[in-house]
C-alpha atoms as a PDB file:
ATOM      1  CA  MET A   1     -36.539-122.818  26.109  1.00  0.00           C
ATOM      2  CA  ASP A   2     -33.036-124.266  26.116  1.00  0.00           C
ATOM      3  CA  LEU A   3     -31.673-122.766  22.913  1.00  0.00           C
ATOM      4  CA  LEU A   4     -28.412-124.700  22.966  1.00  0.00           C
ATOM      5  CA  MET A   5     -30.227-128.015  23.297  1.00  0.00           C
ATOM      6  CA  GLU A   6     -32.793-127.163  20.626  1.00  0.00           C
ATOM      7  CA  VAL A   7     -30.188-125.976  18.131  1.00  0.00           C
ATOM      8  CA  ARG A   8     -28.074-129.093  18.776  1.00  0.00           C
ATOM      9  CA  THR A   9     -31.148-131.256  18.189  1.00  0.00           C
ATOM     10  CA  VAL A  10     -31.859-129.636  14.827  1.00  0.00           C
ATOM     11  CA  LEU A  11     -28.200-129.811  13.847  1.00  0.00           C
ATOM     12  CA  GLN A  12     -28.086-133.506  14.785  1.00  0.00           C
ATOM     13  CA  THR A  13     -31.118-134.411  12.678  1.00  0.00           C
ATOM     14  CA  THR A  14     -30.068-132.713   9.448  1.00  0.00           C
ATOM     15  CA  PRO A  15     -27.242-135.099   8.437  1.00  0.00           C
ATOM     16  CA  VAL A  16     -29.481-138.083   9.216  1.00  0.00           C
ATOM     17  CA  ARG A  17     -32.203-136.715   6.939  1.00  0.00           C
ATOM     18  CA  TRP A  18     -29.699-136.113   4.152  1.00  0.00           C
ATOM     19  CA  THR A  19     -28.140-139.552   4.515  1.00  0.00           C
ATOM     20  CA  ASP A  20     -31.598-141.091   4.215  1.00  0.00           C
ATOM     21  CA  LEU A  21     -32.422-139.003   1.141  1.00  0.00           C
ATOM     22  CA  THR A  22     -29.150-139.706  -0.659  1.00  0.00           C
ATOM     23  CA  ARG A  23     -29.222-143.430   0.089  1.00  0.00           C
ATOM     24  CA  THR A  24     -32.796-143.962  -1.029  1.00  0.00           C
ATOM     25  CA  LEU A  25     -33.556-141.530  -3.854  1.00  0.00           C
ATOM     26  CA  PRO A  26     -32.197-141.862  -7.384  1.00  0.00           C
ATOM     27  CA  ASP A  27     -29.454-139.467  -8.482  1.00  0.00           C
ATOM     28  CA  GLU A  28     -31.668-138.192 -11.309  1.00  0.00           C
ATOM     29  CA  LEU A  29     -34.220-136.923  -8.795  1.00  0.00           C
ATOM     30  CA  LEU A  30     -31.585-135.519  -6.415  1.00  0.00           C
ATOM     31  CA  ASN A  31     -29.947-133.606  -9.286  1.00  0.00           C
ATOM     32  CA  ARG A  32     -33.162-132.383 -10.881  1.00  0.00           C
ATOM     33  CA  THR A  33     -33.423-128.582 -10.939  1.00  0.00           C
ATOM     34  CA  PRO A  34     -37.005-127.615 -10.069  1.00  0.00           C
ATOM     35  CA  SER A  35     -36.985-124.522 -12.282  1.00  0.00           C
ATOM     36  CA  GLN A  36     -34.592-122.084 -13.913  1.00  0.00           C
ATOM     37  CA  GLY A  37     -32.337-120.465 -11.331  1.00  0.00           C
ATOM     38  CA  GLU A  38     -33.329-122.741  -8.446  1.00  0.00           C
ATOM     39  CA  TRP A  39     -31.187-125.308  -6.699  1.00  0.00           C
ATOM     40  CA  ALA A  40     -31.576-129.046  -7.049  1.00  0.00           C
ATOM     41  CA  ALA A  41     -31.645-131.040  -3.814  1.00  0.00           C
ATOM     42  CA  LEU A  42     -27.929-131.837  -4.068  1.00  0.00           C
ATOM     43  CA  ASP A  43     -27.150-128.153  -4.608  1.00  0.00           C
ATOM     44  CA  CYS A  44     -28.822-127.519  -1.262  1.00  0.00           C
ATOM     45  CA  LEU A  45     -26.713-130.242   0.333  1.00  0.00           C
ATOM     46  CA  GLN A  46     -23.534-128.828  -1.220  1.00  0.00           C
ATOM     47  CA  HIS A  47     -24.454-125.431   0.213  1.00  0.00           C
ATOM     48  CA  LEU A  48     -24.887-126.995   3.653  1.00  0.00           C
ATOM     49  CA  VAL A  49     -21.431-128.577   3.283  1.00  0.00           C
ATOM     50  CA  ASP A  50     -19.987-125.204   2.252  1.00  0.00           C
ATOM     51  CA  THR A  51     -21.503-123.413   5.225  1.00  0.00           C
ATOM     52  CA  GLU A  52     -20.437-126.208   7.556  1.00  0.00           C
ATOM     53  CA  ARG A  53     -16.874-125.842   6.330  1.00  0.00           C
ATOM     54  CA  TRP A  54     -16.541-122.071   6.040  1.00  0.00           C
ATOM     55  CA  VAL A  55     -19.346-120.327   7.896  1.00  0.00           C
ATOM     56  CA  PHE A  56     -21.073-121.524  11.031  1.00  0.00           C
ATOM     57  CA  PRO A  57     -18.288-123.215  13.023  1.00  0.00           C
ATOM     58  CA  VAL A  58     -15.893-120.455  11.933  1.00  0.00           C
ATOM     59  CA  ARG A  59     -18.328-117.878  13.260  1.00  0.00           C
ATOM     60  CA  VAL A  60     -18.821-119.691  16.568  1.00  0.00           C
ATOM     61  CA  LYS A  61     -15.037-119.646  17.017  1.00  0.00           C
ATOM     62  CA  ALA A  62     -14.982-115.939  16.118  1.00  0.00           C
ATOM     63  CA  PHE A  63     -17.596-115.177  18.773  1.00  0.00           C
ATOM     64  CA  LEU A  64     -15.610-117.114  21.362  1.00  0.00           C
ATOM     65  CA  ALA A  65     -12.401-115.289  20.390  1.00  0.00           C
ATOM     66  CA  GLY A  66     -14.080-111.864  20.388  1.00  0.00           C
ATOM     67  CA  GLU A  67     -13.480-111.415  16.651  1.00  0.00           C
ATOM     68  CA  ASP A  68     -15.663-110.081  13.849  1.00  0.00           C
ATOM     69  CA  PHE A  69     -16.312-112.062  10.666  1.00  0.00           C
ATOM     70  CA  PRO A  70     -17.023-111.550   6.962  1.00  0.00           C
ATOM     71  CA  ALA A  71     -20.231-112.240   5.096  1.00  0.00           C
ATOM     72  CA  PHE A  72     -20.546-115.396   2.974  1.00  0.00           C
ATOM     73  CA  ASP A  73     -21.793-115.308  -0.608  1.00  0.00           C
ATOM     74  CA  PRO A  74     -22.778-118.810  -1.749  1.00  0.00           C
ATOM     75  CA  ASP A  75     -22.726-117.754  -5.397  1.00  0.00           C
ATOM     76  CA  SER A  76     -19.105-116.640  -5.355  1.00  0.00           C
ATOM     77  CA  GLN A  77     -17.670-118.581  -2.408  1.00  0.00           C
ATOM     78  CA  GLY A  78     -19.586-121.845  -2.521  1.00  0.00           C
ATOM     79  CA  GLU A  79     -18.855-124.958  -4.535  1.00  0.00           C
ATOM     80  CA  ILE A  80     -22.327-125.686  -5.912  1.00  0.00           C
ATOM     81  CA  SER A  81     -21.253-125.367  -9.533  1.00  0.00           C
ATOM     82  CA  ALA A  82     -18.071-127.365  -8.862  1.00  0.00           C
ATOM     83  CA  ARG A  83     -19.689-130.226  -6.953  1.00  0.00           C
ATOM     84  CA  GLN A  84     -17.891-133.441  -7.827  1.00  0.00           C
ATOM     85  CA  LEU A  85     -18.831-135.906  -5.083  1.00  0.00           C
ATOM     86  CA  SER A  86     -21.563-138.495  -5.405  1.00  0.00           C
ATOM     87  CA  ALA A  87     -24.704-137.980  -3.377  1.00  0.00           C
ATOM     88  CA  ASP A  88     -23.593-140.525  -0.760  1.00  0.00           C
ATOM     89  CA  GLU A  89     -20.102-139.014  -0.544  1.00  0.00           C
ATOM     90  CA  LEU A  90     -21.533-135.533  -0.135  1.00  0.00           C
ATOM     91  CA  ALA A  91     -23.886-136.673   2.630  1.00  0.00           C
ATOM     92  CA  ALA A  92     -20.969-138.440   4.362  1.00  0.00           C
ATOM     93  CA  GLU A  93     -18.820-135.308   4.137  1.00  0.00           C
ATOM     94  CA  PHE A  94     -21.640-133.249   5.596  1.00  0.00           C
ATOM     95  CA  ALA A  95     -22.103-135.751   8.449  1.00  0.00           C
ATOM     96  CA  ALA A  96     -18.381-135.698   9.264  1.00  0.00           C
ATOM     97  CA  LEU A  97     -18.207-131.903   9.255  1.00  0.00           C
ATOM     98  CA  ARG A  98     -21.372-131.686  11.327  1.00  0.00           C
ATOM     99  CA  LYS A  99     -19.928-134.104  13.900  1.00  0.00           C
ATOM    100  CA  GLU A 100     -17.073-131.635  14.413  1.00  0.00           C
ATOM    101  CA  SER A 101     -19.533-128.753  14.682  1.00  0.00           C
ATOM    102  CA  LEU A 102     -21.587-130.590  17.277  1.00  0.00           C
ATOM    103  CA  ALA A 103     -18.439-131.132  19.338  1.00  0.00           C
ATOM    104  CA  LEU A 104     -17.844-127.380  19.151  1.00  0.00           C
ATOM    105  CA  MET A 105     -21.459-126.753  20.178  1.00  0.00           C
ATOM    106  CA  GLU A 106     -20.881-128.885  23.293  1.00  0.00           C
ATOM    107  CA  THR A 107     -18.347-126.308  24.493  1.00  0.00           C
ATOM    108  CA  LEU A 108     -20.937-123.518  24.519  1.00  0.00           C
ATOM    109  CA  THR A 109     -22.791-122.458  27.644  1.00  0.00           C
ATOM    110  CA  PRO A 110     -25.741-120.112  28.182  1.00  0.00           C
ATOM    111  CA  ALA A 111     -23.226-117.481  29.307  1.00  0.00           C
ATOM    112  CA  ASP A 112     -21.814-117.437  25.750  1.00  0.00           C
ATOM    113  CA  LEU A 113     -25.123-116.561  24.090  1.00  0.00           C
ATOM    114  CA  PRO A 114     -24.939-112.763  24.610  1.00  0.00           C
ATOM    115  CA  ARG A 115     -21.469-112.548  23.035  1.00  0.00           C
ATOM    116  CA  THR A 116     -21.447-110.214  20.054  1.00  0.00           C
ATOM    117  CA  ALA A 117     -19.436-109.758  16.894  1.00  0.00           C
ATOM    118  CA  VAL A 118     -19.727-107.593  13.823  1.00  0.00           C
ATOM    119  CA  HIS A 119     -20.964-109.298  10.662  1.00  0.00           C
ATOM    120  CA  ALA A 120     -19.614-107.517   7.581  1.00  0.00           C
ATOM    121  CA  GLU A 121     -23.118-106.973   6.117  1.00  0.00           C
ATOM    122  CA  LEU A 122     -25.491-107.152   9.077  1.00  0.00           C
ATOM    123  CA  GLY A 123     -23.544-105.258  11.716  1.00  0.00           C
ATOM    124  CA  LYS A 124     -23.565-106.260  15.366  1.00  0.00           C
ATOM    125  CA  VAL A 125     -25.010-109.721  15.959  1.00  0.00           C
ATOM    126  CA  SER A 126     -25.127-112.030  18.964  1.00  0.00           C
ATOM    127  CA  LEU A 127     -24.123-115.648  19.206  1.00  0.00           C
ATOM    128  CA  GLU A 128     -27.703-116.409  20.239  1.00  0.00           C
ATOM    129  CA  GLU A 129     -29.007-114.874  17.014  1.00  0.00           C
ATOM    130  CA  MET A 130     -26.434-116.718  14.939  1.00  0.00           C
ATOM    131  CA  LEU A 131     -27.316-120.075  16.538  1.00  0.00           C
ATOM    132  CA  ASN A 132     -30.986-119.477  15.740  1.00  0.00           C
ATOM    133  CA  GLU A 133     -29.939-118.649  12.175  1.00  0.00           C
ATOM    134  CA  TRP A 134     -27.892-121.852  11.937  1.00  0.00           C
ATOM    135  CA  ALA A 135     -30.840-124.055  12.914  1.00  0.00           C
ATOM    136  CA  ALA A 136     -33.249-122.141  10.664  1.00  0.00           C
ATOM    137  CA  HIS A 137     -30.725-122.295   7.798  1.00  0.00           C
ATOM    138  CA  ASP A 138     -30.479-126.093   8.115  1.00  0.00           C
ATOM    139  CA  LEU A 139     -34.238-126.462   8.061  1.00  0.00           C
ATOM    140  CA  MET A 140     -34.745-123.922   5.270  1.00  0.00           C
ATOM    141  CA  HIS A 141     -32.376-125.631   2.863  1.00  0.00           C
ATOM    142  CA  THR A 142     -33.697-129.074   3.706  1.00  0.00           C
ATOM    143  CA  VAL A 143     -37.231-127.853   2.981  1.00  0.00           C
ATOM    144  CA  GLN A 144     -35.945-126.201  -0.208  1.00  0.00           C
ATOM    145  CA  ALA A 145     -34.421-129.515  -1.277  1.00  0.00           C
ATOM    146  CA  GLU A 146     -37.580-131.430  -0.491  1.00  0.00           C
ATOM    147  CA  ARG A 147     -39.554-128.869  -2.474  1.00  0.00           C
ATOM    148  CA  ALA A 148     -37.246-129.508  -5.440  1.00  0.00           C
ATOM    149  CA  LEU A 149     -37.799-133.250  -5.014  1.00  0.00           C
ATOM    150  CA  MET A 150     -41.593-132.756  -5.059  1.00  0.00           C
ATOM    151  CA  GLN A 151     -41.767-131.091  -8.475  1.00  0.00           C
ATOM    152  CA  PRO A 152     -41.972-134.141 -10.769  1.00  0.00           C
ATOM    153  CA  PHE A 153     -44.616-135.670  -8.514  1.00  0.00           C
ATOM    154  CA  ILE A 154     -46.671-132.486  -8.302  1.00  0.00           C
ATOM    155  CA  ALA A 155     -46.670-132.372 -12.099  1.00  0.00           C
ATOM    156  CA  GLY A 156     -48.430-135.738 -12.124  1.00  0.00           C
ATOM    157  CA  VAL A 157     -51.102-135.249  -9.447  1.00  0.00           C
ATOM    158  CA  GLY A 158     -53.872-134.254 -11.855  1.00  0.00           C
ATOM    159  CA  PRO A 159     -56.959-133.045  -9.966  1.00  0.00           C
ATOM    160  CA  TRP A 160     -54.991-132.702  -6.699  1.00  0.00           C
ATOM    161  CA  GLU A 161     -52.782-129.967  -8.158  1.00  0.00           C
ATOM    162  CA  SER A 162     -54.580-127.206  -6.232  1.00  0.00           C
ATOM    163  CA  TYR A 163     -53.385-128.816  -2.979  1.00  0.00           C
ATOM    164  CA  PHE A 164     -49.804-128.050  -3.947  1.00  0.00           C
ATOM    165  CA  THR A 165     -50.007-124.419  -5.107  1.00  0.00           C
ATOM    166  CA  ASP A 166     -47.695-123.258  -2.306  1.00  0.00           C
ATOM    167  CA  HIS A 167     -45.056-125.789  -3.352  1.00  0.00           C
ATOM    168  CA  VAL A 168     -44.873-125.442  -7.135  1.00  0.00           C
ATOM    169  CA  ALA A 169     -41.528-124.083  -8.340  1.00  0.00           C
ATOM    170  CA  LYS A 170     -42.044-121.205 -10.722  1.00  0.00           C
END
């Protein structure tokens, strides 16, 4: 397994998926909250923008500099509630930030993977672990957004509803 290549591949696909979603789906669907306390699809995208700006690339640089880093709390440090860009603008911002992150990723080598730093909440972590988390985080929030997008359709499936029990927002 070539972790650096696999993580780069995931990180490259995420902005493309979001650009496709924001260009093709109506704003009403993208902004629809699936249930109380859950994020709409665009909230997920805003969170990805926030973490692209303040978390993952910053942490990669910290690992490379031999520095520790703080935790990130999306509820108090993110801009989900203050989102003001259109869906297309948000996807474009994410793509631009991700392009910079991918350039940073290109500087990494397998010899960098064992580097460690102290995460304020989790303790000692390795760059390898953090890169796995970055890819999983991208996929998790894209799946979360797609789950939010499914809700109005699931509500209308009638007798097929039992096929979607794992995807119904509660």
